[in-house]
Protein backbone atom coordinates (compact mmCIF):
# COMPACT_ATOMS: atom_id res chain seq x y z
CA MET A 1 124.22 78.92 103.97
CA GLU A 2 127.55 80.28 105.13
CA ARG A 3 127.52 83.66 106.83
CA SER A 4 129.37 86.28 104.76
CA TRP A 5 128.35 89.33 106.82
CA SER A 6 129.02 90.38 110.37
CA CYS A 7 127.27 93.15 112.27
CA LEU A 8 129.16 95.63 114.45
CA ASP A 9 128.26 93.93 117.75
CA CYS A 10 129.66 90.65 116.49
CA GLN A 11 132.75 92.27 114.96
CA PHE A 12 133.75 94.58 117.78
CA GLU A 13 131.87 93.59 120.91
CA GLY A 14 132.26 89.81 120.74
CA ALA A 15 128.49 89.38 120.91
CA GLU A 16 126.90 86.03 120.24
CA PRO A 17 125.55 86.19 116.65
CA LEU A 18 121.75 86.21 116.65
CA CYS A 19 121.83 84.84 113.11
CA LEU A 20 123.58 81.59 114.06
CA SER A 21 122.38 78.52 115.89
CA ALA A 22 124.44 76.81 118.60
CA ASP A 23 126.12 74.62 115.97
CA GLY A 24 127.25 77.68 113.94
CA THR A 25 124.80 77.38 111.06
CA CYS A 26 122.63 80.25 109.87
CA ASP A 27 119.40 80.37 111.84
CA PHE A 28 117.16 82.86 110.07
CA LYS A 29 114.14 81.71 112.07
CA ARG A 30 115.85 82.70 115.31
CA LEU A 31 116.91 86.06 113.89
CA ALA A 32 113.39 86.71 112.58
CA ASP A 33 111.83 85.80 115.92
CA VAL A 34 114.04 88.36 117.68
CA LEU A 35 113.52 91.03 115.03
CA LEU A 36 109.75 90.60 114.98
CA LYS A 37 109.50 90.15 118.78
CA ILE A 38 107.97 86.71 118.49
CA ALA A 39 108.41 85.17 121.93
CA THR A 40 109.03 81.46 122.00
CA ALA A 41 108.57 79.13 124.91
CA THR A 42 112.32 78.91 125.47
CA GLU A 43 113.48 82.44 124.65
CA LEU A 44 112.11 85.88 125.43
CA THR A 45 114.09 88.77 123.99
CA GLY A 46 114.56 92.33 125.17
CA ASN A 47 114.95 95.55 123.25
CA GLY A 48 118.76 95.27 123.25
CA GLU A 49 118.63 92.01 121.34
CA ARG A 50 116.01 93.42 118.99
CA MET A 51 118.32 96.33 118.13
CA ARG A 52 121.11 93.82 117.51
CA ALA A 53 118.76 91.93 115.21
CA TYR A 54 118.06 95.14 113.27
CA ASP A 55 121.80 95.72 112.94
CA CYS A 56 122.43 92.16 111.79
CA VAL A 57 119.66 92.28 109.20
CA ASP A 58 120.79 95.71 107.98
CA GLU A 59 124.37 94.52 107.54
CA MET A 60 123.14 91.37 105.75
CA VAL A 61 120.90 93.42 103.43
CA GLN A 62 123.76 95.78 102.56
CA THR A 63 126.52 93.22 102.04
CA ALA A 64 124.92 89.82 101.35
CA PRO A 65 121.81 90.26 99.17
CA GLU A 66 121.35 86.55 98.41
CA ALA A 67 121.38 85.75 102.13
CA ALA A 68 119.00 88.66 102.70
CA VAL A 69 116.49 87.16 100.26
CA ALA A 70 116.69 83.83 102.08
CA PHE A 71 116.26 85.65 105.40
CA ILE A 72 113.22 87.58 104.17
CA ILE A 73 111.56 84.39 102.98
CA ALA A 74 112.28 82.65 106.30
CA ALA A 75 111.16 85.69 108.29
CA LEU A 76 107.96 85.97 106.27
CA ASP A 77 107.08 82.43 107.27
CA GLU A 78 107.48 83.49 110.93
CA CYS A 79 105.11 86.48 110.58
CA ARG A 80 101.89 86.01 112.56
CA THR A 81 100.30 89.45 112.12
CA GLY A 82 99.96 92.17 109.53
CA ALA A 83 102.21 94.31 111.75
CA HIS A 84 104.98 91.70 111.45
CA VAL A 85 104.68 91.73 107.65
CA ALA A 86 104.63 95.54 107.59
CA LEU A 87 107.80 95.68 109.71
CA LEU A 88 109.57 93.29 107.36
CA GLY A 89 108.33 95.08 104.23
CA ALA A 90 109.02 98.63 105.39
CA GLY A 91 112.42 97.66 106.76
CA ALA A 92 114.60 94.92 105.36
CA LEU A 93 112.70 94.42 102.10
CA GLU A 94 112.60 98.11 101.14
CA THR A 95 116.29 98.52 101.94
CA LEU A 96 117.15 95.40 99.95
CA LEU A 97 115.16 96.59 96.93
CA ARG A 98 116.77 100.04 97.06
CA SER A 99 120.29 98.67 97.44
CA HIS A 100 120.18 95.54 95.27
CA GLY A 101 116.83 95.61 93.45
CA ALA A 102 118.06 94.45 90.06
CA LYS A 103 119.96 91.57 91.68
CA VAL A 104 117.17 90.31 93.95
CA ILE A 105 113.95 91.00 92.07
CA GLY A 106 114.11 87.67 90.21
CA PRO A 107 114.07 85.43 93.31
CA LEU A 108 111.40 87.63 94.90
CA GLU A 109 109.22 87.40 91.78
CA GLU A 110 109.68 83.63 91.76
CA ALA A 111 108.57 83.38 95.37
CA ALA A 112 105.62 85.72 94.67
CA GLY A 113 104.54 83.43 91.84
CA LYS A 114 104.29 80.54 94.30
CA HIS A 115 103.19 82.17 97.56
CA ALA A 116 100.40 84.57 98.43
CA LYS A 117 102.39 85.61 101.50
CA MET A 118 105.19 86.94 99.30
CA ARG A 119 102.77 88.94 97.14
CA TYR A 120 101.30 90.37 100.33
CA LEU A 121 104.76 91.31 101.62
CA LEU A 122 105.84 92.87 98.34
CA SER A 123 102.65 94.94 98.34
CA ALA A 124 103.82 96.64 101.55
CA THR A 125 106.88 98.32 100.04
CA TRP A 126 107.30 101.96 99.12
CA GLY A 127 110.08 103.72 97.27
CA GLU A 128 109.53 103.66 93.54
CA ALA A 129 111.74 106.74 93.06
CA SER A 130 114.65 105.20 94.95
CA MET A 131 114.72 101.89 93.04
CA VAL A 132 116.58 101.00 89.89
CA PRO A 133 114.34 101.66 86.87
CA GLY A 134 112.28 98.61 85.99
CA VAL A 135 112.33 97.05 89.46
CA TRP A 136 109.16 98.89 90.49
CA GLN A 137 107.28 97.70 87.39
CA ARG A 138 108.33 94.13 88.15
CA LEU A 139 107.05 94.56 91.72
CA VAL A 140 103.72 95.84 90.44
CA ALA A 141 103.42 92.83 88.14
CA ALA A 142 104.40 90.38 90.91
CA VAL A 143 101.84 91.89 93.30
CA ALA A 144 99.00 92.15 90.74
CA PRO A 145 97.36 88.77 91.46
CA GLY A 146 97.07 89.72 95.14
CA PRO A 147 96.43 89.49 97.96
CA VAL A 148 97.69 92.90 99.07
CA MET A 149 98.14 94.72 102.37
CA ASP A 150 96.42 97.91 101.23
CA ALA A 151 95.79 99.92 98.08
CA ASP A 152 97.94 102.89 99.11
CA PRO A 153 99.13 104.88 96.05
CA ARG A 154 102.73 104.73 97.33
CA THR A 155 102.83 100.93 97.05
CA PRO A 156 102.96 98.54 94.09
CA ALA A 157 99.36 97.65 95.05
CA ALA A 158 98.07 101.16 94.33
CA GLY A 159 94.35 101.08 93.62
CA MET A 160 93.96 97.32 94.18
CA HIS A 161 91.15 97.75 96.72
CA ASP A 162 89.50 94.51 95.65
CA ARG A 163 92.60 92.48 96.66
CA VAL A 164 93.06 93.83 100.20
CA LEU A 165 92.76 91.07 102.80
CA ASP A 166 90.50 91.36 105.81
CA GLY A 167 91.73 90.24 109.22
CA GLU A 168 90.33 86.73 109.03
CA ALA A 169 91.77 86.04 105.56
CA LEU A 170 95.11 87.49 106.63
CA ALA A 171 95.29 85.25 109.69
CA ALA A 172 94.50 82.18 107.57
CA MET A 173 97.13 83.09 104.95
CA LEU A 174 99.84 83.74 107.55
CA ALA A 175 99.09 80.40 109.24
CA GLU A 176 99.92 78.51 106.03
CA PRO A 177 103.63 77.59 105.79
CA MET A 178 105.46 78.52 102.62
CA ARG A 179 107.39 75.23 102.63
CA VAL A 180 110.60 76.89 101.50
CA ASP A 181 113.23 74.54 100.12
CA ALA A 182 115.63 73.92 103.02
CA ALA A 183 118.62 74.08 100.65
CA ALA A 184 117.82 77.72 99.92
CA GLN A 185 118.19 78.73 103.56
């Protein structure tokens, strides 16, 4: 995927893009690892880089919704804890749905139909009143089979207490790769 967005640090500060690998291709795994503070054996990141990752993801979500969907899917596969999923859902995903809901709901529904992780992530969003009409109902339908993060009335999983995952089931689900088509990234 070609990068069609550029965050402020990259535009004006000459910073090394966190969203690109050394060969110049999009590296959503690297960006997700920095955003979610997932330390790897070769790279530990500080708060400064994490803030740059937030800025990069925010710019991508605002200006490149198709890339943002691909990033969210890649980042979801990097999530190792419920807190990681919550950060992704309450941040990039909610902003994407508010800004481009009608444009991105289809690919998100498709992924939710194939992957429990995506249904779990979608269940973490809030913001019915700030989404384009109809997007919320599609989220509710996509989340309905479960599993869900919680049954909070502000989420599309409202009242779905029987589909909330316990810690052990969550860990097992997050350990399973989504096997996303590499061409989509």
